[in-house]
Amino acid sequence: ALPPRDAWEAAACKDRKSGRGEVSEGAGPGTREALVPSMAERALAKAADVVRAVAPALRASGFDIVFPTRVGVYNRAVATGDDSDLALPTMTCGDDTLAIIVGNTASMWPRFLRAYARSPEVRACSHPLDLGFVAPAMRKAFGPVLDARLPAMAGSARELRLVHETERSRVVAVARFAHAAGLAHLCPPAYLSVHPEHGPWISYRAVAVLDADASELPAAPPGGLPSPFSAEELADIRAAMAEALAGPAAAAAGSGSARSEELDGSQPCPAAPGGAADVQLSARAQRFLAVRDACDLSAGRGRFPPAMLAYHYDKRLGALRAAAEAAAGCKLDAPSAAGSAPGSACTAGSPRSVGGGE
């Protein structure tokens, strides 16, 4: 009897790492020997080699979080409950298949502003960041850039999931993945990722699954990345979250219009240390920003700039445009049309929120 498929995958991974092929002359269809390719046919790349190949291009675009881990870490995290259908595909090495979580800190913003200012195609996108900037950068890095810089990966299987995709078959519970893998702590009261260095000032953009060997990566921390918060700090976070969630309902009960409360309550956006607060945020955005601030143990050192916050929380294209014009030192032409134009950088998709996932 043939061993189960996961045994084939484990054997294939082991044999390729040791240089032993499994294809024997005359192996017939349906045999293990016919199903496991030899080292000469396709050698698996190592996780470190793949990261070295894609990280420079990603970081050049401001995606400075490039975190390799194993697909099995994520699949175990979603194996129970209603999210078992969110499992990621495994490849030759089974649970040791390489996955790379890509995200950014505030360093992405000036690069995006330059792209927005220079490209009418990006400005024409209904969601310029997700569809005009993030998606093309990810597809380039994990497509032609990877193949050119690491020929062993050329033609290999891979799957790229963009965090802004909303179709159930494409969704990745990326905050849970990052927590389980040891990238960032998932704070339960706020459901925000808190990075050991950057605090809550990160956003996830993509998860790439690649047919490469991640077995030599450090083990993920049992139970995920530990909480950095004291009991008192967690109480403050819970209080901020309760106020954020209660705000619209309280406004509607008091004035009959939650929308008017949001508009009338606009306030200047708090700036990062040393920055200018010249962008307005809605009252709702202010409440949820207060939750993020409560999760910040770094005194705002990595805080997103005001225009980035306005775009992230309020979907304010005007704030984006003004910031891009200020950075470019000139007025920008108005986009010819909203959405994807023929030949534009925009790609199909329905972002769950402008500015990407937490």
Foldseek 3Di string as FASTA:
>chain_A
DADDPLVLLQVLLVCLVVQAQQADPPDDPPHSNVVRGGNVVARFAAPVQLCVQQVVLCVVLAFNAKDKDWLLLQCVLQCDDPRNLQRDDAPSNGRQFIKIWIKHFLSNQVSLLQVCQVDLLLLQELQSPQFVRQVVSVCCSVPVSSCVSPVSQVPFDKDKAFCQFDDSNRHGPVLSSCQSQAQFNQLVLLRATQGPPQGRRMFTTMMMTTRHGRPPPDGGDVPGHDDPDDPVLSVQLNVLSVCLVCQLVVVCVVPVDSVVQQVVQWDFDDAAVPDDRPDTGTPSLVSSVVSSVSRDPPSRNRPHGRLLSCCQRVVDVVSSQVVSCVSVVHHGDRRPHHHHDVPGSGDDHRGPTRNHHD
